[in-house]
Amino acid sequence: MDWDQELDARGLLCPLPVLKARKRLAGMAPGAILRLVSTDPAAVIDVPHFCVEAGHELIGTSEHDGEQAYLIRRGGSKG
């Protein structure tokens, strides 16, 4: 799957990956896709929760060698 922007949050710990994703998504058009890459173990809980609360759609996740990648489709008017 293709994405519009990528955010490298490797090495950042909670809550920084989600805060940086929130800021990046706020500058993207509704429907655009952000790929977030993180090594934070808490991201597996934080990212899905953030998407639900902020009105974004988590459309895919993967994990490889301790890194998680999340594909997030920006929701309507919420940031």
C-alpha atoms as a PDB file:
ATOM      1  CA  MET A   1       0.000   0.000   0.000  1.00  0.00           C
ATOM      2  CA  ASP A   2       1.186   3.520  -0.770  1.00  0.00           C
ATOM      3  CA  TRP A   3       1.212   6.401   1.680  1.00  0.00           C
ATOM      4  CA  ASP A   4       1.414  10.169   1.349  1.00  0.00           C
ATOM      5  CA  GLN A   5       3.872  10.942   4.156  1.00  0.00           C
ATOM      6  CA  GLU A   6       6.119   9.007   6.499  1.00  0.00           C
ATOM      7  CA  LEU A   7       7.024   9.880  10.072  1.00  0.00           C
ATOM      8  CA  ASP A   8      10.117   8.262  11.577  1.00  0.00           C
ATOM      9  CA  ALA A   9       9.553   8.085  15.343  1.00  0.00           C
ATOM     10  CA  ARG A  10      12.186   5.413  16.015  1.00  0.00           C
ATOM     11  CA  GLY A  11      13.908   5.950  19.358  1.00  0.00           C
ATOM     12  CA  LEU A  12      11.117   8.150  20.732  1.00  0.00           C
ATOM     13  CA  LEU A  13       9.140   7.025  23.763  1.00  0.00           C
ATOM     14  CA  CYS A  14       5.541   7.605  24.825  1.00  0.00           C
ATOM     15  CA  PRO A  15       3.910  10.035  24.252  1.00  0.00           C
ATOM     16  CA  LEU A  16       6.186  11.476  21.539  1.00  0.00           C
ATOM     17  CA  PRO A  17       5.275   9.138  18.618  1.00  0.00           C
ATOM     18  CA  VAL A  18       1.573   9.933  19.030  1.00  0.00           C
ATOM     19  CA  LEU A  19       2.165  13.657  19.579  1.00  0.00           C
ATOM     20  CA  LYS A  20       4.298  13.873  16.443  1.00  0.00           C
ATOM     21  CA  ALA A  21       1.716  11.866  14.476  1.00  0.00           C
ATOM     22  CA  ARG A  22      -1.059  14.211  15.672  1.00  0.00           C
ATOM     23  CA  LYS A  23       0.912  17.246  14.510  1.00  0.00           C
ATOM     24  CA  ARG A  24       1.775  15.709  11.140  1.00  0.00           C
ATOM     25  CA  LEU A  25      -1.790  14.525  10.487  1.00  0.00           C
ATOM     26  CA  ALA A  26      -3.150  17.983  11.306  1.00  0.00           C
ATOM     27  CA  GLY A  27      -1.237  19.329   8.310  1.00  0.00           C
ATOM     28  CA  MET A  28      -2.454  16.631   5.929  1.00  0.00           C
ATOM     29  CA  ALA A  29      -5.611  16.565   3.832  1.00  0.00           C
ATOM     30  CA  PRO A  30      -8.536  14.389   4.952  1.00  0.00           C
ATOM     31  CA  GLY A  31      -8.131  10.911   3.466  1.00  0.00           C
ATOM     32  CA  ALA A  32      -4.335  11.192   3.180  1.00  0.00           C
ATOM     33  CA  ILE A  33      -2.283   8.320   4.600  1.00  0.00           C
ATOM     34  CA  LEU A  34       0.552   8.655   7.104  1.00  0.00           C
ATOM     35  CA  ARG A  35       3.036   5.851   7.701  1.00  0.00           C
ATOM     36  CA  LEU A  36       4.346   6.039  11.266  1.00  0.00           C
ATOM     37  CA  VAL A  37       7.423   3.981  12.170  1.00  0.00           C
ATOM     38  CA  SER A  38       8.092   3.499  15.882  1.00  0.00           C
ATOM     39  CA  THR A  39      10.211   1.414  18.247  1.00  0.00           C
ATOM     40  CA  ASP A  40       8.212   2.421  21.345  1.00  0.00           C
ATOM     41  CA  PRO A  41       6.696  -0.719  22.930  1.00  0.00           C
ATOM     42  CA  ALA A  42       3.707   1.338  24.146  1.00  0.00           C
ATOM     43  CA  ALA A  43       2.838   2.392  20.586  1.00  0.00           C
ATOM     44  CA  VAL A  44       0.899  -0.847  20.032  1.00  0.00           C
ATOM     45  CA  ILE A  45      -1.632   0.492  22.561  1.00  0.00           C
ATOM     46  CA  ASP A  46      -1.214   4.244  22.065  1.00  0.00           C
ATOM     47  CA  VAL A  47      -1.555   4.471  18.276  1.00  0.00           C
ATOM     48  CA  PRO A  48      -4.862   2.564  17.928  1.00  0.00           C
ATOM     49  CA  HIS A  49      -6.305   4.495  20.897  1.00  0.00           C
ATOM     50  CA  PHE A  50      -5.188   7.804  19.385  1.00  0.00           C
ATOM     51  CA  CYS A  51      -6.798   6.932  16.039  1.00  0.00           C
ATOM     52  CA  VAL A  52     -10.155   6.134  17.648  1.00  0.00           C
ATOM     53  CA  GLU A  53     -10.117   9.240  19.824  1.00  0.00           C
ATOM     54  CA  ALA A  54      -9.020  11.601  17.032  1.00  0.00           C
ATOM     55  CA  GLY A  55     -11.292  10.189  14.319  1.00  0.00           C
ATOM     56  CA  HIS A  56      -8.556   8.708  12.130  1.00  0.00           C
ATOM     57  CA  GLU A  57      -8.578   5.214  10.628  1.00  0.00           C
ATOM     58  CA  LEU A  58      -5.818   2.737  11.435  1.00  0.00           C
ATOM     59  CA  ILE A  59      -5.688   0.840   8.159  1.00  0.00           C
ATOM     60  CA  GLY A  60      -2.666  -1.364   8.700  1.00  0.00           C
ATOM     61  CA  THR A  61       0.080  -2.402  11.089  1.00  0.00           C
ATOM     62  CA  SER A  62       3.221  -4.474  10.741  1.00  0.00           C
ATOM     63  CA  GLU A  63       6.211  -5.359  12.880  1.00  0.00           C
ATOM     64  CA  HIS A  64       9.744  -6.276  11.881  1.00  0.00           C
ATOM     65  CA  ASP A  65      12.913  -6.458  14.002  1.00  0.00           C
ATOM     66  CA  GLY A  66      11.425  -4.491  16.894  1.00  0.00           C
ATOM     67  CA  GLU A  67       9.993  -1.739  14.700  1.00  0.00           C
ATOM     68  CA  GLN A  68       6.285  -1.211  14.245  1.00  0.00           C
ATOM     69  CA  ALA A  69       4.787   0.513  11.217  1.00  0.00           C
ATOM     70  CA  TYR A  70       1.282   1.976  11.271  1.00  0.00           C
ATOM     71  CA  LEU A  71      -0.723   3.215   8.307  1.00  0.00           C
ATOM     72  CA  ILE A  72      -3.154   5.912   9.416  1.00  0.00           C
ATOM     73  CA  ARG A  73      -5.772   7.474   7.152  1.00  0.00           C
ATOM     74  CA  ARG A  74      -6.494  11.040   8.237  1.00  0.00           C
ATOM     75  CA  GLY A  75     -10.071  11.550   9.311  1.00  0.00           C
ATOM     76  CA  GLY A  76     -12.406  14.396   8.413  1.00  0.00           C
ATOM     77  CA  SER A  77     -11.980  17.664  10.278  1.00  0.00           C
ATOM     78  CA  LYS A  78     -10.360  16.428  13.488  1.00  0.00           C
ATOM     79  CA  GLY A  79      -6.609  16.759  13.996  1.00  0.00           C
END
